[in-house]
Amino acid sequence: MPKKTKRKATVIKSIPFNRLWIFSSIVIIFAAIILISGTVSRQSTQIVKATPISQYQHPLIPSVMSPNIKPILSSTSYILVDSLTNEIILSHNPTTRIYPASITKLATALTSLNIYPLDEAVSIGSTYSEGKVMKLETGENITIKSLVTALLVYSANDAAYNLAKHHQDGTVGFIKEMNMIAAKYKLTNTHFTNFDGIHSSDHYSTVSDLAQLGRLAIKNPIIKDTVKNKTFTVTDISGKIVHDLISTNELLGVVPEIEGLKTGWTPEAGGCFIGLVNINGHYLISVVAQSADRFADTVTLINWAKQNVIWKPYTP
């Protein structure tokens, strides 16, 4: 029987498992440190590039040159507020309760834009004929944006009604949301009982609160752009039903400083108007209420401001 030749086994000296695990862990930790360091470095660079607070420029402050000179208006209450700084430039009975009439529809528009998608379609279930209407037709399908446009430009009560009715809890739920917005922004002397401003003794505001409502409204670009329009045409979603709208704001295109905002009138409220006034790039909110001539009173406020208000750098 042949003699077996013994082969010498090749011995591979391997690294013990525990040492390999320690080595791998060190590599992973080292890589993580490099990654974190790079992230911190990038963040640090961003912080360095941030604008220092010392470079912040405070808005210019409105200053009345002749405080003793007051304009003569027919309005029992009025106010003029610098939109950017919220400085009250001029006022008379600013916290006296008044009826806001169709200025209410600014709150209706804000509520609608807050809770509905712009392109959502509203199906008109029935006609609404109280007050000024755009003559929406039964069975018509029209978007939220078109209804808000009609609300702001033409002051259409039937647009306000259908926006409110579209709420999942109906008009009651919608009006509740209007009052929630008033409470959120501390309009403490404002209470809504309806969506269109039809007179109710428990539906009230003040020119001070309405000025704040105006400041809030123009922060929404849809509202600010819409109220500039003297005329507007909206259609149903098929394009077959056409509504031509003319603004109730008689100062648009007549007084160059006026860029909006919302009119109102009822026998009980008298004439009221909240104006968006641009004087050399400085935006003011004007409000007149219980006025015998809301537009003439607004023009008087504008002319007074042009002659008596300057804007100065802020001094601490």
C-alpha atoms as a PDB file:
ATOM      1  CA  MET A   1       0.000   0.000   0.000  1.00  0.00           C
ATOM      2  CA  PRO A   2       1.592   3.269  -1.107  1.00  0.00           C
ATOM      3  CA  LYS A   3       2.606   5.684   1.602  1.00  0.00           C
ATOM      4  CA  LYS A   4       0.399   8.760   1.872  1.00  0.00           C
ATOM      5  CA  THR A   5       2.147  12.070   1.493  1.00  0.00           C
ATOM      6  CA  LYS A   6       1.099  14.536   4.138  1.00  0.00           C
ATOM      7  CA  ARG A   7       0.440  18.008   2.775  1.00  0.00           C
ATOM      8  CA  LYS A   8       1.264  20.884   5.013  1.00  0.00           C
ATOM      9  CA  ALA A   9      -1.846  22.932   5.539  1.00  0.00           C
ATOM     10  CA  THR A  10      -1.594  26.616   4.738  1.00  0.00           C
ATOM     11  CA  VAL A  11      -2.429  28.554   7.846  1.00  0.00           C
ATOM     12  CA  ILE A  12      -4.067  31.944   7.313  1.00  0.00           C
ATOM     13  CA  LYS A  13      -3.690  34.142  10.315  1.00  0.00           C
ATOM     14  CA  SER A  14      -6.984  35.994  10.577  1.00  0.00           C
ATOM     15  CA  ILE A  15      -7.782  38.951  12.743  1.00  0.00           C
ATOM     16  CA  PRO A  16      -9.866  37.846  15.714  1.00  0.00           C
ATOM     17  CA  PHE A  17     -13.518  38.818  15.428  1.00  0.00           C
ATOM     18  CA  ASN A  18     -13.510  41.136  18.424  1.00  0.00           C
ATOM     19  CA  ARG A  19     -10.530  43.094  17.067  1.00  0.00           C
ATOM     20  CA  LEU A  20     -12.132  43.324  13.618  1.00  0.00           C
ATOM     21  CA  TRP A  21     -15.350  44.696  15.172  1.00  0.00           C
ATOM     22  CA  ILE A  22     -13.382  47.307  17.119  1.00  0.00           C
ATOM     23  CA  PHE A  23     -11.443  48.344  14.021  1.00  0.00           C
ATOM     24  CA  SER A  24     -14.641  48.647  11.925  1.00  0.00           C
ATOM     25  CA  SER A  25     -16.311  50.698  14.637  1.00  0.00           C
ATOM     26  CA  ILE A  26     -13.371  53.107  14.759  1.00  0.00           C
ATOM     27  CA  VAL A  27     -13.563  53.581  10.979  1.00  0.00           C
ATOM     28  CA  ILE A  28     -17.327  54.250  11.119  1.00  0.00           C
ATOM     29  CA  ILE A  29     -16.978  56.700  14.013  1.00  0.00           C
ATOM     30  CA  PHE A  30     -14.134  58.524  12.244  1.00  0.00           C
ATOM     31  CA  ALA A  31     -16.216  58.817   9.067  1.00  0.00           C
ATOM     32  CA  ALA A  32     -19.176  60.107  11.061  1.00  0.00           C
ATOM     33  CA  ILE A  33     -17.005  62.753  12.723  1.00  0.00           C
ATOM     34  CA  ILE A  34     -15.819  63.956   9.304  1.00  0.00           C
ATOM     35  CA  LEU A  35     -19.409  64.100   8.021  1.00  0.00           C
ATOM     36  CA  ILE A  36     -20.682  65.991  11.067  1.00  0.00           C
ATOM     37  CA  SER A  37     -17.754  68.375  10.932  1.00  0.00           C
ATOM     38  CA  GLY A  38     -18.522  69.160   7.323  1.00  0.00           C
ATOM     39  CA  THR A  39     -22.180  69.799   8.125  1.00  0.00           C
ATOM     40  CA  VAL A  40     -21.310  72.053  11.060  1.00  0.00           C
ATOM     41  CA  SER A  41     -18.813  73.847   8.862  1.00  0.00           C
ATOM     42  CA  ARG A  42     -21.471  74.500   6.213  1.00  0.00           C
ATOM     43  CA  GLN A  43     -23.966  75.625   8.851  1.00  0.00           C
ATOM     44  CA  SER A  44     -21.373  77.909  10.364  1.00  0.00           C
ATOM     45  CA  THR A  45     -20.776  79.448   6.958  1.00  0.00           C
ATOM     46  CA  GLN A  46     -24.502  80.094   6.561  1.00  0.00           C
ATOM     47  CA  ILE A  47     -24.676  81.744   9.967  1.00  0.00           C
ATOM     48  CA  VAL A  48     -21.777  84.004   9.106  1.00  0.00           C
ATOM     49  CA  LYS A  49     -23.505  85.056   5.890  1.00  0.00           C
ATOM     50  CA  ALA A  50     -26.780  85.938   7.651  1.00  0.00           C
ATOM     51  CA  THR A  51     -27.697  89.608   7.755  1.00  0.00           C
ATOM     52  CA  PRO A  52     -26.624  91.078  11.099  1.00  0.00           C
ATOM     53  CA  ILE A  53     -29.426  92.570  13.165  1.00  0.00           C
ATOM     54  CA  SER A  54     -27.514  95.837  13.147  1.00  0.00           C
ATOM     55  CA  GLN A  55     -28.369  96.187   9.435  1.00  0.00           C
ATOM     56  CA  TYR A  56     -32.141  95.933  10.023  1.00  0.00           C
ATOM     57  CA  GLN A  57     -33.895  99.063   8.801  1.00  0.00           C
ATOM     58  CA  HIS A  58     -36.945 100.128  10.784  1.00  0.00           C
ATOM     59  CA  PRO A  59     -39.854 101.375   8.639  1.00  0.00           C
ATOM     60  CA  LEU A  60     -40.218 105.107   8.325  1.00  0.00           C
ATOM     61  CA  ILE A  61     -42.537 106.638  10.912  1.00  0.00           C
ATOM     62  CA  PRO A  62     -45.436 108.909   9.887  1.00  0.00           C
ATOM     63  CA  SER A  63     -45.393 112.340  11.494  1.00  0.00           C
ATOM     64  CA  VAL A  64     -48.138 114.978  11.436  1.00  0.00           C
ATOM     65  CA  MET A  65     -46.675 118.414  10.795  1.00  0.00           C
ATOM     66  CA  SER A  66     -49.651 120.399  12.124  1.00  0.00           C
ATOM     67  CA  PRO A  67     -51.500 118.242  14.688  1.00  0.00           C
ATOM     68  CA  ASN A  68     -53.981 120.994  15.506  1.00  0.00           C
ATOM     69  CA  ILE A  69     -55.277 121.194  11.945  1.00  0.00           C
ATOM     70  CA  LYS A  70     -58.157 118.748  11.583  1.00  0.00           C
ATOM     71  CA  PRO A  71     -60.147 117.973   8.439  1.00  0.00           C
ATOM     72  CA  ILE A  72     -63.898 118.565   8.409  1.00  0.00           C
ATOM     73  CA  LEU A  73     -65.878 115.423   7.564  1.00  0.00           C
ATOM     74  CA  SER A  74     -69.527 114.428   7.670  1.00  0.00           C
ATOM     75  CA  SER A  75     -68.587 111.043   9.185  1.00  0.00           C
ATOM     76  CA  THR A  76     -69.343 110.559  12.870  1.00  0.00           C
ATOM     77  CA  SER A  77     -66.363 108.171  13.121  1.00  0.00           C
ATOM     78  CA  TYR A  78     -63.192 107.983  11.073  1.00  0.00           C
ATOM     79  CA  ILE A  79     -59.590 106.835  11.275  1.00  0.00           C
ATOM     80  CA  LEU A  80     -56.395 107.007   9.224  1.00  0.00           C
ATOM     81  CA  VAL A  81     -53.717 104.393   9.955  1.00  0.00           C
ATOM     82  CA  ASP A  82     -50.244 103.822   8.539  1.00  0.00           C
ATOM     83  CA  SER A  83     -50.474 100.262   7.231  1.00  0.00           C
ATOM     84  CA  LEU A  84     -46.841  99.297   7.744  1.00  0.00           C
ATOM     85  CA  THR A  85     -46.254 100.616  11.272  1.00  0.00           C
ATOM     86  CA  ASN A  86     -49.880 100.541  12.489  1.00  0.00           C
ATOM     87  CA  GLU A  87     -49.458 104.123  13.698  1.00  0.00           C
ATOM     88  CA  ILE A  88     -52.751 106.007  14.061  1.00  0.00           C
ATOM     89  CA  ILE A  89     -52.289 109.248  12.134  1.00  0.00           C
ATOM     90  CA  LEU A  90     -55.730 110.721  12.695  1.00  0.00           C
ATOM     91  CA  SER A  91     -58.981 109.556  14.297  1.00  0.00           C
ATOM     92  CA  HIS A  92     -62.338 110.642  15.604  1.00  0.00           C
ATOM     93  CA  ASN A  93     -64.515 108.355  17.753  1.00  0.00           C
ATOM     94  CA  PRO A  94     -62.367 105.345  16.727  1.00  0.00           C
ATOM     95  CA  THR A  95     -63.893 102.906  19.246  1.00  0.00           C
ATOM     96  CA  THR A  96     -67.536 103.969  18.961  1.00  0.00           C
ATOM     97  CA  ARG A  97     -69.689 101.087  17.736  1.00  0.00           C
ATOM     98  CA  ILE A  98     -70.934 101.458  14.180  1.00  0.00           C
ATOM     99  CA  TYR A  99     -72.622  99.161  11.668  1.00  0.00           C
ATOM    100  CA  PRO A 100     -70.120  97.942   9.044  1.00  0.00           C
ATOM    101  CA  ALA A 101     -72.686  97.172   6.305  1.00  0.00           C
ATOM    102  CA  SER A 102     -70.958  95.597   3.273  1.00  0.00           C
ATOM    103  CA  ILE A 103     -67.457  96.176   4.643  1.00  0.00           C
ATOM    104  CA  THR A 104     -68.419  92.905   6.345  1.00  0.00           C
ATOM    105  CA  LYS A 105     -67.571  91.213   3.055  1.00  0.00           C
ATOM    106  CA  LEU A 106     -63.850  91.738   3.691  1.00  0.00           C
ATOM    107  CA  ALA A 107     -64.230  89.285   6.574  1.00  0.00           C
ATOM    108  CA  THR A 108     -66.310  87.020   4.320  1.00  0.00           C
ATOM    109  CA  ALA A 109     -63.532  87.063   1.706  1.00  0.00           C
ATOM    110  CA  LEU A 110     -60.790  86.395   4.264  1.00  0.00           C
ATOM    111  CA  THR A 111     -62.757  83.491   5.743  1.00  0.00           C
ATOM    112  CA  SER A 112     -63.429  81.988   2.310  1.00  0.00           C
ATOM    113  CA  LEU A 113     -59.775  82.240   1.259  1.00  0.00           C
ATOM    114  CA  ASN A 114     -58.788  80.655   4.558  1.00  0.00           C
ATOM    115  CA  ILE A 115     -60.990  77.562   4.328  1.00  0.00           C
ATOM    116  CA  TYR A 116     -61.665  76.853   0.640  1.00  0.00           C
ATOM    117  CA  PRO A 117     -59.385  75.986  -2.321  1.00  0.00           C
ATOM    118  CA  LEU A 118     -59.544  78.728  -4.970  1.00  0.00           C
ATOM    119  CA  ASP A 119     -60.485  76.375  -7.813  1.00  0.00           C
ATOM    120  CA  GLU A 120     -63.161  74.510  -5.864  1.00  0.00           C
ATOM    121  CA  ALA A 121     -66.547  74.671  -7.584  1.00  0.00           C
ATOM    122  CA  VAL A 122     -69.680  75.822  -5.805  1.00  0.00           C
ATOM    123  CA  SER A 123     -72.997  74.569  -7.115  1.00  0.00           C
ATOM    124  CA  ILE A 124     -75.692  77.241  -6.895  1.00  0.00           C
ATOM    125  CA  GLY A 125     -78.706  75.546  -5.372  1.00  0.00           C
ATOM    126  CA  SER A 126     -81.080  78.492  -5.224  1.00  0.00           C
ATOM    127  CA  THR A 127     -81.182  82.202  -5.991  1.00  0.00           C
ATOM    128  CA  TYR A 128     -80.549  84.835  -3.324  1.00  0.00           C
ATOM    129  CA  SER A 129     -82.145  88.211  -3.930  1.00  0.00           C
ATOM    130  CA  GLU A 130     -81.567  90.282  -0.771  1.00  0.00           C
ATOM    131  CA  GLY A 131     -79.588  93.452  -1.453  1.00  0.00           C
ATOM    132  CA  LYS A 132     -77.136  93.887  -4.344  1.00  0.00           C
ATOM    133  CA  VAL A 133     -76.702  90.648  -6.341  1.00  0.00           C
ATOM    134  CA  MET A 134     -74.734  89.417  -9.358  1.00  0.00           C
ATOM    135  CA  LYS A 135     -77.695  87.202 -10.418  1.00  0.00           C
ATOM    136  CA  LEU A 136     -76.192  83.767  -9.920  1.00  0.00           C
ATOM    137  CA  GLU A 137     -78.357  81.146 -11.618  1.00  0.00           C
ATOM    138  CA  THR A 138     -79.768  77.982 -10.088  1.00  0.00           C
ATOM    139  CA  GLY A 139     -77.649  75.037 -11.225  1.00  0.00           C
ATOM    140  CA  GLU A 140     -74.672  77.252 -12.083  1.00  0.00           C
ATOM    141  CA  ASN A 141     -71.237  75.951 -11.080  1.00  0.00           C
ATOM    142  CA  ILE A 142     -68.725  78.666 -10.257  1.00  0.00           C
ATOM    143  CA  THR A 143     -65.357  78.708  -8.500  1.00  0.00           C
ATOM    144  CA  ILE A 144     -64.538  80.077  -5.069  1.00  0.00           C
ATOM    145  CA  LYS A 145     -62.148  82.584  -6.671  1.00  0.00           C
ATOM    146  CA  SER A 146     -64.868  83.960  -8.955  1.00  0.00           C
ATOM    147  CA  LEU A 147     -67.294  84.329  -6.043  1.00  0.00           C
ATOM    148  CA  VAL A 148     -64.665  86.124  -3.938  1.00  0.00           C
ATOM    149  CA  THR A 149     -63.947  88.428  -6.884  1.00  0.00           C
ATOM    150  CA  ALA A 150     -67.638  89.289  -7.232  1.00  0.00           C
ATOM    151  CA  LEU A 151     -67.812  89.813  -3.479  1.00  0.00           C
ATOM    152  CA  LEU A 152     -64.952  92.324  -3.468  1.00  0.00           C
ATOM    153  CA  VAL A 153     -65.541  94.160  -6.742  1.00  0.00           C
ATOM    154  CA  TYR A 154     -69.321  94.209  -7.083  1.00  0.00           C
ATOM    155  CA  SER A 155     -70.248  93.624  -3.409  1.00  0.00           C
ATOM    156  CA  ALA A 156     -72.537  90.795  -4.514  1.00  0.00           C
ATOM    157  CA  ASN A 157     -74.707  89.527  -1.661  1.00  0.00           C
ATOM    158  CA  ASP A 158     -75.567  86.323  -3.498  1.00  0.00           C
ATOM    159  CA  ALA A 159     -71.824  85.589  -3.818  1.00  0.00           C
ATOM    160  CA  ALA A 160     -71.454  86.073  -0.050  1.00  0.00           C
ATOM    161  CA  TYR A 161     -74.470  83.836   0.613  1.00  0.00           C
ATOM    162  CA  ASN A 162     -73.181  80.965  -1.532  1.00  0.00           C
ATOM    163  CA  LEU A 163     -69.681  81.186  -0.048  1.00  0.00           C
ATOM    164  CA  ALA A 164     -71.191  80.930   3.429  1.00  0.00           C
ATOM    165  CA  LYS A 165     -73.659  78.190   2.488  1.00  0.00           C
ATOM    166  CA  HIS A 166     -70.805  76.119   1.010  1.00  0.00           C
ATOM    167  CA  HIS A 167     -69.372  75.594   4.514  1.00  0.00           C
ATOM    168  CA  GLN A 168     -69.707  72.045   5.828  1.00  0.00           C
ATOM    169  CA  ASP A 169     -71.816  73.406   8.714  1.00  0.00           C
ATOM    170  CA  GLY A 170     -73.751  75.817   6.534  1.00  0.00           C
ATOM    171  CA  THR A 171     -74.032  79.559   7.018  1.00  0.00           C
ATOM    172  CA  VAL A 172     -73.992  79.199  10.820  1.00  0.00           C
ATOM    173  CA  GLY A 173     -70.622  77.427  10.697  1.00  0.00           C
ATOM    174  CA  PHE A 174     -69.246  80.007   8.275  1.00  0.00           C
ATOM    175  CA  ILE A 175     -70.287  82.979  10.431  1.00  0.00           C
ATOM    176  CA  LYS A 176     -68.714  81.245  13.417  1.00  0.00           C
ATOM    177  CA  GLU A 177     -65.430  81.130  11.493  1.00  0.00           C
ATOM    178  CA  MET A 178     -65.754  84.842  10.666  1.00  0.00           C
ATOM    179  CA  ASN A 179     -66.003  85.605  14.381  1.00  0.00           C
ATOM    180  CA  MET A 180     -63.063  83.300  15.102  1.00  0.00           C
ATOM    181  CA  ILE A 181     -60.916  85.401  12.748  1.00  0.00           C
ATOM    182  CA  ALA A 182     -62.111  88.561  14.509  1.00  0.00           C
ATOM    183  CA  ALA A 183     -61.173  87.061  17.880  1.00  0.00           C
ATOM    184  CA  LYS A 184     -57.808  85.777  16.640  1.00  0.00           C
ATOM    185  CA  TYR A 185     -56.755  89.237  15.508  1.00  0.00           C
ATOM    186  CA  LYS A 186     -58.170  90.927  18.613  1.00  0.00           C
ATOM    187  CA  LEU A 187     -60.994  92.803  16.929  1.00  0.00           C
ATOM    188  CA  THR A 188     -62.637  92.947  20.334  1.00  0.00           C
ATOM    189  CA  ASN A 189     -65.385  95.407  19.377  1.00  0.00           C
ATOM    190  CA  THR A 190     -66.527  93.453  16.324  1.00  0.00           C
ATOM    191  CA  HIS A 191     -69.275  90.847  16.058  1.00  0.00           C
ATOM    192  CA  PHE A 192     -70.751  89.287  12.929  1.00  0.00           C
ATOM    193  CA  THR A 193     -74.230  87.795  12.660  1.00  0.00           C
ATOM    194  CA  ASN A 194     -74.263  87.487   8.875  1.00  0.00           C
ATOM    195  CA  PHE A 195     -72.011  87.223   5.833  1.00  0.00           C
ATOM    196  CA  ASP A 196     -73.112  90.253   3.773  1.00  0.00           C
ATOM    197  CA  GLY A 197     -73.664  93.134   6.214  1.00  0.00           C
ATOM    198  CA  ILE A 198     -77.454  93.266   6.111  1.00  0.00           C
ATOM    199  CA  HIS A 199     -78.487  95.299   9.165  1.00  0.00           C
ATOM    200  CA  SER A 200     -78.704  93.595  12.535  1.00  0.00           C
ATOM    201  CA  SER A 201     -78.390  95.318  15.905  1.00  0.00           C
ATOM    202  CA  ASP A 202     -75.939  92.625  17.018  1.00  0.00           C
ATOM    203  CA  HIS A 203     -73.784  92.978  13.883  1.00  0.00           C
ATOM    204  CA  TYR A 204     -71.306  95.744  14.683  1.00  0.00           C
ATOM    205  CA  SER A 205     -67.716  96.976  14.608  1.00  0.00           C
ATOM    206  CA  THR A 206     -65.659 100.171  15.048  1.00  0.00           C
ATOM    207  CA  VAL A 207     -63.538 102.145  12.605  1.00  0.00           C
ATOM    208  CA  SER A 208     -60.504 101.110  14.645  1.00  0.00           C
ATOM    209  CA  ASP A 209     -61.317  97.401  14.224  1.00  0.00           C
ATOM    210  CA  LEU A 210     -62.169  97.873  10.547  1.00  0.00           C
ATOM    211  CA  ALA A 211     -58.784  99.514   9.954  1.00  0.00           C
ATOM    212  CA  GLN A 212     -57.135  96.397  11.393  1.00  0.00           C
ATOM    213  CA  LEU A 213     -59.368  94.223   9.214  1.00  0.00           C
ATOM    214  CA  GLY A 214     -58.162  96.243   6.230  1.00  0.00           C
ATOM    215  CA  ARG A 215     -54.508  95.842   7.203  1.00  0.00           C
ATOM    216  CA  LEU A 216     -55.065  92.102   7.467  1.00  0.00           C
ATOM    217  CA  ALA A 217     -56.937  91.917   4.155  1.00  0.00           C
ATOM    218  CA  ILE A 218     -54.246  93.599   2.045  1.00  0.00           C
ATOM    219  CA  LYS A 219     -51.673  91.081   3.258  1.00  0.00           C
ATOM    220  CA  ASN A 220     -53.532  88.582   1.081  1.00  0.00           C
ATOM    221  CA  PRO A 221     -52.325  89.180  -2.510  1.00  0.00           C
ATOM    222  CA  ILE A 222     -55.609  87.949  -4.014  1.00  0.00           C
ATOM    223  CA  ILE A 223     -57.590  90.582  -2.136  1.00  0.00           C
ATOM    224  CA  LYS A 224     -55.055  93.346  -2.736  1.00  0.00           C
ATOM    225  CA  ASP A 225     -54.931  92.643  -6.482  1.00  0.00           C
ATOM    226  CA  THR A 226     -58.688  92.157  -6.885  1.00  0.00           C
ATOM    227  CA  VAL A 227     -59.830  95.395  -5.222  1.00  0.00           C
ATOM    228  CA  LYS A 228     -57.774  97.466  -7.697  1.00  0.00           C
ATOM    229  CA  ASN A 229     -60.104  96.507 -10.537  1.00  0.00           C
ATOM    230  CA  LYS A 230     -62.765  98.947 -11.678  1.00  0.00           C
ATOM    231  CA  THR A 231     -64.381  96.258 -13.857  1.00  0.00           C
ATOM    232  CA  PHE A 232     -64.095  92.491 -13.918  1.00  0.00           C
ATOM    233  CA  THR A 233     -65.761  89.608 -15.750  1.00  0.00           C
ATOM    234  CA  VAL A 234     -66.251  86.177 -14.208  1.00  0.00           C
ATOM    235  CA  THR A 235     -67.927  83.105 -15.678  1.00  0.00           C
ATOM    236  CA  ASP A 236     -69.202  79.767 -14.519  1.00  0.00           C
ATOM    237  CA  ILE A 237     -66.808  76.845 -14.998  1.00  0.00           C
ATOM    238  CA  SER A 238     -68.276  76.062 -18.436  1.00  0.00           C
ATOM    239  CA  GLY A 239     -67.653  79.636 -19.610  1.00  0.00           C
ATOM    240  CA  LYS A 240     -71.243  79.936 -20.833  1.00  0.00           C
ATOM    241  CA  ILE A 241     -72.701  82.047 -18.007  1.00  0.00           C
ATOM    242  CA  VAL A 242     -71.045  85.471 -17.877  1.00  0.00           C
ATOM    243  CA  HIS A 243     -71.158  88.025 -15.069  1.00  0.00           C
ATOM    244  CA  ASP A 244     -69.861  91.515 -15.854  1.00  0.00           C
ATOM    245  CA  LEU A 245     -68.912  93.316 -12.663  1.00  0.00           C
ATOM    246  CA  ILE A 246     -68.444  97.044 -12.027  1.00  0.00           C
ATOM    247  CA  SER A 247     -66.750  98.159  -8.817  1.00  0.00           C
ATOM    248  CA  THR A 248     -68.828  99.924  -6.176  1.00  0.00           C
ATOM    249  CA  ASN A 249     -65.703 101.979  -5.359  1.00  0.00           C
ATOM    250  CA  GLU A 250     -66.345 105.261  -7.190  1.00  0.00           C
ATOM    251  CA  LEU A 251     -62.855 106.590  -6.420  1.00  0.00           C
ATOM    252  CA  LEU A 252     -61.010 103.955  -8.473  1.00  0.00           C
ATOM    253  CA  GLY A 253     -59.481 105.556 -11.541  1.00  0.00           C
ATOM    254  CA  VAL A 254     -60.578 108.989 -10.321  1.00  0.00           C
ATOM    255  CA  VAL A 255     -58.377 109.580  -7.277  1.00  0.00           C
ATOM    256  CA  PRO A 256     -54.888 108.253  -8.136  1.00  0.00           C
ATOM    257  CA  GLU A 257     -54.009 107.503  -4.510  1.00  0.00           C
ATOM    258  CA  ILE A 258     -56.894 105.028  -4.130  1.00  0.00           C
ATOM    259  CA  GLU A 259     -56.119 101.333  -4.782  1.00  0.00           C
ATOM    260  CA  GLY A 260     -59.181  99.781  -3.081  1.00  0.00           C
ATOM    261  CA  LEU A 261     -60.721  98.631  -0.730  1.00  0.00           C
ATOM    262  CA  LYS A 262     -64.412  98.081   0.231  1.00  0.00           C
ATOM    263  CA  THR A 263     -67.633 100.049   0.289  1.00  0.00           C
ATOM    264  CA  GLY A 264     -70.697  99.714   2.489  1.00  0.00           C
ATOM    265  CA  TRP A 265     -74.119 101.287   2.910  1.00  0.00           C
ATOM    266  CA  THR A 266     -77.403 100.589   4.669  1.00  0.00           C
ATOM    267  CA  PRO A 267     -79.973 103.086   5.960  1.00  0.00           C
ATOM    268  CA  GLU A 268     -78.899 102.291   9.522  1.00  0.00           C
ATOM    269  CA  ALA A 269     -75.142 102.307   8.856  1.00  0.00           C
ATOM    270  CA  GLY A 270     -75.146 105.281   6.546  1.00  0.00           C
ATOM    271  CA  GLY A 271     -72.279 105.438   4.107  1.00  0.00           C
ATOM    272  CA  CYS A 272     -69.062 103.689   5.072  1.00  0.00           C
ATOM    273  CA  PHE A 273     -65.868 103.041   3.190  1.00  0.00           C
ATOM    274  CA  ILE A 274     -62.515 101.494   3.949  1.00  0.00           C
ATOM    275  CA  GLY A 275     -59.858 102.801   1.591  1.00  0.00           C
ATOM    276  CA  LEU A 276     -56.418 101.585   0.580  1.00  0.00           C
ATOM    277  CA  VAL A 277     -54.488 104.814   0.048  1.00  0.00           C
ATOM    278  CA  ASN A 278     -51.047 105.044  -1.576  1.00  0.00           C
ATOM    279  CA  ILE A 279     -49.245 108.326  -0.897  1.00  0.00           C
ATOM    280  CA  ASN A 280     -45.836 108.249  -2.552  1.00  0.00           C
ATOM    281  CA  GLY A 281     -45.387 104.564  -1.784  1.00  0.00           C
ATOM    282  CA  HIS A 282     -46.675 104.803   1.788  1.00  0.00           C
ATOM    283  CA  TYR A 283     -49.843 102.774   2.277  1.00  0.00           C
ATOM    284  CA  LEU A 284     -52.551 104.106   4.564  1.00  0.00           C
ATOM    285  CA  ILE A 285     -55.846 102.553   5.598  1.00  0.00           C
ATOM    286  CA  SER A 286     -58.697 105.032   5.845  1.00  0.00           C
ATOM    287  CA  VAL A 287     -62.105 104.252   7.327  1.00  0.00           C
ATOM    288  CA  VAL A 288     -65.161 106.498   7.398  1.00  0.00           C
ATOM    289  CA  ALA A 289     -68.499 105.482   8.939  1.00  0.00           C
ATOM    290  CA  GLN A 290     -71.940 107.021   9.401  1.00  0.00           C
ATOM    291  CA  SER A 291     -71.052 109.335   6.529  1.00  0.00           C
ATOM    292  CA  ALA A 292     -73.328 111.519   4.462  1.00  0.00           C
ATOM    293  CA  ASP A 293     -70.798 111.271   1.609  1.00  0.00           C
ATOM    294  CA  ARG A 294     -68.298 108.453   2.151  1.00  0.00           C
ATOM    295  CA  PHE A 295     -66.267 109.175  -0.980  1.00  0.00           C
ATOM    296  CA  ALA A 296     -66.013 112.934  -0.436  1.00  0.00           C
ATOM    297  CA  ASP A 297     -64.978 112.308   3.181  1.00  0.00           C
ATOM    298  CA  THR A 298     -62.281 109.896   2.009  1.00  0.00           C
ATOM    299  CA  VAL A 299     -60.939 112.441  -0.498  1.00  0.00           C
ATOM    300  CA  THR A 300     -60.809 115.013   2.319  1.00  0.00           C
ATOM    301  CA  LEU A 301     -58.725 112.605   4.417  1.00  0.00           C
ATOM    302  CA  ILE A 302     -56.374 111.959   1.501  1.00  0.00           C
ATOM    303  CA  ASN A 303     -55.854 115.649   0.784  1.00  0.00           C
ATOM    304  CA  TRP A 304     -55.275 116.341   4.485  1.00  0.00           C
ATOM    305  CA  ALA A 305     -52.682 113.533   4.652  1.00  0.00           C
ATOM    306  CA  LYS A 306     -50.865 114.781   1.533  1.00  0.00           C
ATOM    307  CA  GLN A 307     -50.510 118.220   3.094  1.00  0.00           C
ATOM    308  CA  ASN A 308     -49.831 117.269   6.708  1.00  0.00           C
ATOM    309  CA  VAL A 309     -48.073 113.887   6.910  1.00  0.00           C
ATOM    310  CA  ILE A 310     -44.391 113.194   6.320  1.00  0.00           C
ATOM    311  CA  TRP A 311     -42.411 110.037   6.994  1.00  0.00           C
ATOM    312  CA  LYS A 312     -39.285 110.237   9.109  1.00  0.00           C
ATOM    313  CA  PRO A 313     -36.542 107.743  10.024  1.00  0.00           C
ATOM    314  CA  TYR A 314     -37.165 105.823  13.231  1.00  0.00           C
ATOM    315  CA  THR A 315     -35.263 107.087  16.273  1.00  0.00           C
ATOM    316  CA  PRO A 316     -35.167 104.861  19.378  1.00  0.00           C
END
